[in-house]
C-alpha atoms as a PDB file:
ATOM      1  CA  MET A   1     107.825  99.069 123.424  1.00  0.00           C
ATOM      2  CA  LYS A   2     107.810  96.317 120.794  1.00  0.00           C
ATOM      3  CA  LYS A   3     105.776  93.262 121.752  1.00  0.00           C
ATOM      4  CA  ASN A   4     106.762  89.738 120.753  1.00  0.00           C
ATOM      5  CA  VAL A   5     104.324  87.364 119.033  1.00  0.00           C
ATOM      6  CA  ALA A   6     103.207  85.657 122.256  1.00  0.00           C
ATOM      7  CA  THR A   7     102.510  89.011 123.919  1.00  0.00           C
ATOM      8  CA  GLN A   8     100.565  90.239 120.881  1.00  0.00           C
ATOM      9  CA  LEU A   9      98.513  87.046 120.959  1.00  0.00           C
ATOM     10  CA  ARG A  10      97.946  87.374 124.687  1.00  0.00           C
ATOM     11  CA  ASP A  11      96.569  90.886 124.204  1.00  0.00           C
ATOM     12  CA  ALA A  12      94.355  89.796 121.299  1.00  0.00           C
ATOM     13  CA  ILE A  13      92.891  86.819 123.195  1.00  0.00           C
ATOM     14  CA  GLU A  14      92.591  88.949 126.345  1.00  0.00           C
ATOM     15  CA  ASN A  15      90.541  91.519 124.407  1.00  0.00           C
ATOM     16  CA  GLU A  16      88.269  88.806 123.021  1.00  0.00           C
ATOM     17  CA  ILE A  17      87.653  87.490 126.538  1.00  0.00           C
ATOM     18  CA  LEU A  18      86.887  90.959 127.895  1.00  0.00           C
ATOM     19  CA  THR A  19      84.577  91.725 124.976  1.00  0.00           C
ATOM     20  CA  SER A  20      82.760  88.381 125.329  1.00  0.00           C
ATOM     21  CA  VAL A  21      83.818  87.152 121.899  1.00  0.00           C
ATOM     22  CA  LEU A  22      85.197  84.284 123.968  1.00  0.00           C
ATOM     23  CA  ARG A  23      82.788  83.311 126.754  1.00  0.00           C
ATOM     24  CA  PRO A  24      83.427  81.861 130.237  1.00  0.00           C
ATOM     25  CA  GLY A  25      83.783  78.097 129.986  1.00  0.00           C
ATOM     26  CA  GLU A  26      84.645  78.177 126.285  1.00  0.00           C
ATOM     27  CA  ARG A  27      87.468  75.859 125.258  1.00  0.00           C
ATOM     28  CA  LEU A  28      90.578  77.468 123.787  1.00  0.00           C
ATOM     29  CA  ASP A  29      92.035  75.050 121.266  1.00  0.00           C
ATOM     30  CA  GLU A  30      95.701  75.699 120.505  1.00  0.00           C
ATOM     31  CA  ALA A  31      95.536  74.420 116.933  1.00  0.00           C
ATOM     32  CA  SER A  32      92.438  76.487 116.103  1.00  0.00           C
ATOM     33  CA  LEU A  33      93.932  79.650 117.589  1.00  0.00           C
ATOM     34  CA  ALA A  34      97.202  79.072 115.729  1.00  0.00           C
ATOM     35  CA  ARG A  35      95.346  78.770 112.409  1.00  0.00           C
ATOM     36  CA  ARG A  36      93.168  81.809 113.099  1.00  0.00           C
ATOM     37  CA  PHE A  37      96.094  84.076 114.007  1.00  0.00           C
ATOM     38  CA  GLY A  38      98.469  82.577 111.432  1.00  0.00           C
ATOM     39  CA  VAL A  39     101.159  81.497 113.885  1.00  0.00           C
ATOM     40  CA  SER A  40     102.656  78.286 115.227  1.00  0.00           C
ATOM     41  CA  ARG A  41     101.276  76.634 118.363  1.00  0.00           C
ATOM     42  CA  THR A  42     104.298  77.666 120.465  1.00  0.00           C
ATOM     43  CA  PRO A  43     103.371  81.378 120.891  1.00  0.00           C
ATOM     44  CA  VAL A  44      99.735  80.349 121.376  1.00  0.00           C
ATOM     45  CA  ARG A  45     100.793  78.050 124.209  1.00  0.00           C
ATOM     46  CA  GLU A  46     102.887  80.880 125.720  1.00  0.00           C
ATOM     47  CA  ALA A  47      99.997  83.349 125.429  1.00  0.00           C
ATOM     48  CA  LEU A  48      97.565  80.951 127.118  1.00  0.00           C
ATOM     49  CA  ALA A  49     100.071  80.333 129.920  1.00  0.00           C
ATOM     50  CA  GLN A  50     100.324  84.102 130.486  1.00  0.00           C
ATOM     51  CA  LEU A  51      96.528  84.403 130.580  1.00  0.00           C
ATOM     52  CA  ASP A  52      96.371  81.470 132.991  1.00  0.00           C
ATOM     53  CA  SER A  53      98.786  83.315 135.301  1.00  0.00           C
ATOM     54  CA  VAL A  54      96.423  86.313 135.493  1.00  0.00           C
ATOM     55  CA  GLY A  55      93.276  84.223 136.013  1.00  0.00           C
ATOM     56  CA  LEU A  56      91.565  84.868 132.663  1.00  0.00           C
ATOM     57  CA  VAL A  57      92.196  81.332 131.449  1.00  0.00           C
ATOM     58  CA  GLU A  58      92.246  78.000 133.262  1.00  0.00           C
ATOM     59  CA  ILE A  59      94.629  75.351 131.957  1.00  0.00           C
ATOM     60  CA  ARG A  60      93.479  71.930 133.103  1.00  0.00           C
ATOM     61  CA  PRO A  61      95.670  68.816 132.870  1.00  0.00           C
ATOM     62  CA  ASN A  62      94.679  66.627 129.919  1.00  0.00           C
ATOM     63  CA  ARG A  63      91.713  68.914 129.149  1.00  0.00           C
ATOM     64  CA  GLY A  64      93.371  71.995 127.690  1.00  0.00           C
ATOM     65  CA  ALA A  65      92.497  75.631 128.336  1.00  0.00           C
ATOM     66  CA  ILE A  66      89.118  77.253 128.948  1.00  0.00           C
ATOM     67  CA  VAL A  67      88.015  80.851 129.541  1.00  0.00           C
ATOM     68  CA  ALA A  68      87.759  81.518 133.286  1.00  0.00           C
ATOM     69  CA  GLN A  69      84.957  83.324 135.095  1.00  0.00           C
ATOM     70  CA  VAL A  70      85.866  86.425 137.160  1.00  0.00           C
ATOM     71  CA  GLY A  71      82.961  88.028 139.026  1.00  0.00           C
ATOM     72  CA  ALA A  72      82.576  91.717 139.881  1.00  0.00           C
ATOM     73  CA  GLU A  73      82.915  91.036 143.620  1.00  0.00           C
ATOM     74  CA  GLN A  74      86.212  89.196 143.172  1.00  0.00           C
ATOM     75  CA  LEU A  75      87.451  91.996 140.914  1.00  0.00           C
ATOM     76  CA  VAL A  76      86.747  94.635 143.570  1.00  0.00           C
ATOM     77  CA  GLN A  77      88.468  92.504 146.218  1.00  0.00           C
ATOM     78  CA  MET A  78      91.592  92.173 144.078  1.00  0.00           C
ATOM     79  CA  PHE A  79      91.737  95.938 143.535  1.00  0.00           C
ATOM     80  CA  GLU A  80      91.346  96.490 147.296  1.00  0.00           C
ATOM     81  CA  VAL A  81      94.331  94.260 148.035  1.00  0.00           C
ATOM     82  CA  MET A  82      96.354  95.804 145.212  1.00  0.00           C
ATOM     83  CA  ALA A  83      95.680  99.290 146.623  1.00  0.00           C
ATOM     84  CA  GLU A  84      97.013  98.253 150.041  1.00  0.00           C
ATOM     85  CA  LEU A  85     100.119  96.583 148.599  1.00  0.00           C
ATOM     86  CA  GLU A  86     100.957  99.546 146.372  1.00  0.00           C
ATOM     87  CA  ALA A  87     100.333 101.978 149.232  1.00  0.00           C
ATOM     88  CA  MET A  88     102.897 100.097 151.315  1.00  0.00           C
ATOM     89  CA  ALA A  89     105.369 100.073 148.426  1.00  0.00           C
ATOM     90  CA  GLY A  90     104.976 103.839 148.036  1.00  0.00           C
ATOM     91  CA  ARG A  91     105.471 104.484 151.742  1.00  0.00           C
ATOM     92  CA  LEU A  92     108.641 102.386 151.837  1.00  0.00           C
ATOM     93  CA  ALA A  93     109.917 103.856 148.559  1.00  0.00           C
ATOM     94  CA  ALA A  94     109.637 107.371 150.005  1.00  0.00           C
ATOM     95  CA  ARG A  95     112.029 106.283 152.783  1.00  0.00           C
ATOM     96  CA  ARG A  96     114.355 103.984 150.871  1.00  0.00           C
ATOM     97  CA  CYS A  97     114.593 104.947 147.191  1.00  0.00           C
ATOM     98  CA  THR A  98     118.076 105.458 145.767  1.00  0.00           C
ATOM     99  CA  SER A  99     119.186 107.828 143.030  1.00  0.00           C
ATOM    100  CA  ALA A 100     118.916 104.915 140.569  1.00  0.00           C
ATOM    101  CA  ASP A 101     115.342 104.285 141.738  1.00  0.00           C
ATOM    102  CA  ARG A 102     114.507 107.943 141.208  1.00  0.00           C
ATOM    103  CA  LYS A 103     115.843 107.810 137.655  1.00  0.00           C
ATOM    104  CA  ALA A 104     113.811 104.666 136.896  1.00  0.00           C
ATOM    105  CA  ILE A 105     110.600 106.156 138.299  1.00  0.00           C
ATOM    106  CA  GLU A 106     111.141 109.457 136.494  1.00  0.00           C
ATOM    107  CA  ALA A 107     111.976 107.761 133.172  1.00  0.00           C
ATOM    108  CA  ALA A 108     108.813 105.630 133.291  1.00  0.00           C
ATOM    109  CA  HIS A 109     106.748 108.664 134.264  1.00  0.00           C
ATOM    110  CA  ASP A 110     108.133 110.606 131.290  1.00  0.00           C
ATOM    111  CA  GLU A 111     107.172 107.762 128.951  1.00  0.00           C
ATOM    112  CA  CYS A 112     103.666 107.711 130.440  1.00  0.00           C
ATOM    113  CA  ARG A 113     103.371 111.429 129.723  1.00  0.00           C
ATOM    114  CA  ALA A 114     104.516 110.949 126.123  1.00  0.00           C
ATOM    115  CA  ALA A 115     101.977 108.142 125.572  1.00  0.00           C
ATOM    116  CA  ALA A 116      99.202 110.257 127.114  1.00  0.00           C
ATOM    117  CA  GLU A 117     100.056 113.154 124.817  1.00  0.00           C
ATOM    118  CA  ARG A 118      99.732 110.783 121.826  1.00  0.00           C
ATOM    119  CA  GLY A 119      96.445 109.429 123.177  1.00  0.00           C
ATOM    120  CA  ASP A 120      97.884 105.897 123.012  1.00  0.00           C
ATOM    121  CA  THR A 121      96.146 103.952 125.795  1.00  0.00           C
ATOM    122  CA  ASP A 122      97.938 100.662 125.177  1.00  0.00           C
ATOM    123  CA  ALA A 123     101.381 102.294 125.176  1.00  0.00           C
ATOM    124  CA  TYR A 124     100.388 104.228 128.289  1.00  0.00           C
ATOM    125  CA  TYR A 125      99.368 101.012 129.997  1.00  0.00           C
ATOM    126  CA  TYR A 126     102.725  99.323 129.428  1.00  0.00           C
ATOM    127  CA  GLU A 127     104.686 102.380 130.545  1.00  0.00           C
ATOM    128  CA  ASN A 128     102.320 102.690 133.514  1.00  0.00           C
ATOM    129  CA  GLU A 129     103.141  99.089 134.387  1.00  0.00           C
ATOM    130  CA  ARG A 130     106.856  99.949 134.292  1.00  0.00           C
ATOM    131  CA  PHE A 131     106.218 103.034 136.453  1.00  0.00           C
ATOM    132  CA  HIS A 132     104.571 100.962 139.177  1.00  0.00           C
ATOM    133  CA  GLN A 133     107.245  98.270 138.984  1.00  0.00           C
ATOM    134  CA  ALA A 134     109.899 100.938 139.561  1.00  0.00           C
ATOM    135  CA  ILE A 135     108.077 101.928 142.755  1.00  0.00           C
ATOM    136  CA  TYR A 136     107.889  98.302 143.899  1.00  0.00           C
ATOM    137  CA  ALA A 137     111.646  97.977 143.369  1.00  0.00           C
ATOM    138  CA  ALA A 138     112.268 101.232 145.255  1.00  0.00           C
ATOM    139  CA  SER A 139     110.521  99.779 148.323  1.00  0.00           C
ATOM    140  CA  ARG A 140     113.612  97.574 148.808  1.00  0.00           C
ATOM    141  CA  ASN A 141     111.376  94.745 150.010  1.00  0.00           C
ATOM    142  CA  GLY A 142     111.725  91.661 147.840  1.00  0.00           C
ATOM    143  CA  PHE A 143     108.708  89.853 149.232  1.00  0.00           C
ATOM    144  CA  LEU A 144     106.476  92.883 148.712  1.00  0.00           C
ATOM    145  CA  LEU A 145     107.863  93.233 145.184  1.00  0.00           C
ATOM    146  CA  ASP A 146     106.886  89.638 144.369  1.00  0.00           C
ATOM    147  CA  GLN A 147     103.373  90.060 145.775  1.00  0.00           C
ATOM    148  CA  CYS A 148     102.829  93.303 143.864  1.00  0.00           C
ATOM    149  CA  LEU A 149     104.017  91.768 140.595  1.00  0.00           C
ATOM    150  CA  THR A 150     101.774  88.735 141.032  1.00  0.00           C
ATOM    151  CA  LEU A 151      98.632  90.788 141.601  1.00  0.00           C
ATOM    152  CA  GLN A 152      99.626  93.312 138.935  1.00  0.00           C
ATOM    153  CA  ARG A 153      99.621  90.432 136.432  1.00  0.00           C
ATOM    154  CA  ARG A 154      96.196  89.279 137.645  1.00  0.00           C
ATOM    155  CA  LEU A 155      94.712  92.749 137.180  1.00  0.00           C
ATOM    156  CA  ARG A 156      96.513  93.600 133.930  1.00  0.00           C
ATOM    157  CA  PRO A 157      93.536  93.219 131.544  1.00  0.00           C
ATOM    158  CA  TYR A 158      91.172  95.211 133.747  1.00  0.00           C
ATOM    159  CA  ARG A 159      93.607  98.039 134.392  1.00  0.00           C
ATOM    160  CA  ARG A 160      94.321  98.219 130.662  1.00  0.00           C
ATOM    161  CA  LEU A 161      90.623  98.372 129.811  1.00  0.00           C
ATOM    162  CA  GLN A 162      89.974 100.911 132.579  1.00  0.00           C
ATOM    163  CA  LEU A 163      92.324 103.369 130.857  1.00  0.00           C
ATOM    164  CA  ARG A 164      89.895 103.568 127.931  1.00  0.00           C
ATOM    165  CA  ALA A 165      87.305 105.366 130.077  1.00  0.00           C
ATOM    166  CA  VAL A 166      86.891 109.035 129.145  1.00  0.00           C
ATOM    167  CA  ASN A 167      89.672 111.190 130.681  1.00  0.00           C
ATOM    168  CA  ARG A 168      91.032 108.264 132.735  1.00  0.00           C
ATOM    169  CA  MET A 169      94.485 108.426 131.134  1.00  0.00           C
ATOM    170  CA  LYS A 170      94.759 112.165 131.802  1.00  0.00           C
ATOM    171  CA  THR A 171      93.577 111.680 135.383  1.00  0.00           C
ATOM    172  CA  SER A 172      95.989 108.778 135.880  1.00  0.00           C
ATOM    173  CA  LEU A 173      98.913 110.925 134.743  1.00  0.00           C
ATOM    174  CA  ALA A 174      97.958 113.688 137.201  1.00  0.00           C
ATOM    175  CA  GLU A 175      97.806 111.068 139.969  1.00  0.00           C
ATOM    176  CA  HIS A 176     101.285 109.899 138.955  1.00  0.00           C
ATOM    177  CA  GLU A 177     102.547 113.451 139.435  1.00  0.00           C
ATOM    178  CA  ARG A 178     101.341 113.458 143.042  1.00  0.00           C
ATOM    179  CA  ILE A 179     102.850 110.034 143.667  1.00  0.00           C
ATOM    180  CA  VAL A 180     106.247 111.067 142.259  1.00  0.00           C
ATOM    181  CA  ASP A 181     106.265 114.305 144.256  1.00  0.00           C
ATOM    182  CA  ALA A 182     105.457 112.476 147.503  1.00  0.00           C
ATOM    183  CA  ILE A 183     108.110 109.789 146.993  1.00  0.00           C
ATOM    184  CA  PHE A 184     110.825 112.235 145.926  1.00  0.00           C
ATOM    185  CA  ASN A 185     109.986 114.512 148.876  1.00  0.00           C
ATOM    186  CA  GLY A 186     110.333 111.577 151.273  1.00  0.00           C
ATOM    187  CA  ASP A 187     106.710 111.930 152.415  1.00  0.00           C
ATOM    188  CA  GLY A 188     105.748 108.320 153.147  1.00  0.00           C
ATOM    189  CA  ALA A 189     102.248 109.090 154.412  1.00  0.00           C
ATOM    190  CA  GLN A 190     101.390 111.149 151.330  1.00  0.00           C
ATOM    191  CA  ALA A 191     102.875 108.556 148.972  1.00  0.00           C
ATOM    192  CA  GLU A 192     100.852 105.847 150.691  1.00  0.00           C
ATOM    193  CA  GLN A 193      97.598 107.781 150.375  1.00  0.00           C
ATOM    194  CA  ALA A 194      98.284 108.863 146.792  1.00  0.00           C
ATOM    195  CA  LEU A 195      98.924 105.304 145.632  1.00  0.00           C
ATOM    196  CA  LYS A 196      95.921 103.913 147.477  1.00  0.00           C
ATOM    197  CA  SER A 197      93.646 106.490 145.850  1.00  0.00           C
ATOM    198  CA  HIS A 198      95.259 105.808 142.471  1.00  0.00           C
ATOM    199  CA  ILE A 199      94.556 102.067 142.580  1.00  0.00           C
ATOM    200  CA  ILE A 200      91.346 101.608 144.566  1.00  0.00           C
ATOM    201  CA  ILE A 201      88.341 101.019 142.329  1.00  0.00           C
ATOM    202  CA  GLN A 202      84.992 102.023 143.779  1.00  0.00           C
ATOM    203  CA  GLY A 203      82.085 104.344 143.152  1.00  0.00           C
ATOM    204  CA  GLU A 204      82.227 106.005 139.754  1.00  0.00           C
ATOM    205  CA  ARG A 205      85.477 104.289 138.790  1.00  0.00           C
ATOM    206  CA  PHE A 206      83.940 100.857 139.308  1.00  0.00           C
ATOM    207  CA  GLU A 207      80.859 101.912 137.353  1.00  0.00           C
ATOM    208  CA  ASP A 208      83.109 103.153 134.542  1.00  0.00           C
ATOM    209  CA  LEU A 209      84.919  99.815 134.376  1.00  0.00           C
ATOM    210  CA  ILE A 210      81.681  97.806 134.344  1.00  0.00           C
ATOM    211  CA  ALA A 211      80.313 100.137 131.656  1.00  0.00           C
ATOM    212  CA  ALA A 212      83.486  99.649 129.584  1.00  0.00           C
ATOM    213  CA  LEU A 213      83.160  95.879 129.912  1.00  0.00           C
ATOM    214  CA  ALA A 214      79.487  96.072 128.865  1.00  0.00           C
ATOM    215  CA  GLU A 215      80.297  98.321 125.909  1.00  0.00           C
ATOM    216  CA  GLN A 216      83.043  95.999 124.732  1.00  0.00           C
ATOM    217  CA  SER A 217      80.670  93.048 125.057  1.00  0.00           C
ATOM    218  CA  ALA A 218      77.957  94.810 123.020  1.00  0.00           C
ATOM    219  CA  ALA A 219      80.462  95.744 120.330  1.00  0.00           C
END
């Protein structure tokens, strides 16, 4: 998947925030960022707006953008809600998915597998995002779709970073297999449980994410 300039900038700034190159409260000056990345201010403005939408940046009227602060407790709470929303989407998708939905889910799953085989975590993340969006669409519930997409955007940087943990991509792909099987078999209860387990972040998975954040910060 080819990324446009604004998306490339978003990812670069996102990485600098997660690795503490850019600190909470630090001002993000459009002109300075444009000079540093060798682009015009328009894609910088678009990138900052995208980061504002996921809560990593705060854009304040007449004061510009600053790096936001997201605490560990809030992060866990967001993952808890995301797990419940995705579990519901999976349960409904198992009952309602059409042949077109099946093709979309299967196609995204195949691309995830290809990215995992290449060891490409960023490519896997974007195909993984498409995989989950196909499940939201298969739920045939527009309101649920909107809520899932909103929180998916908020958690994007953390889910992307989480994939860099040892064996996480391989484990994620195996979890996808169980999710696909449950949905295609029409087993709503199993799809619900599989998606909840796939998303929820606790215990060792939370420790892995915090360790990844700390390692990025030290680097």
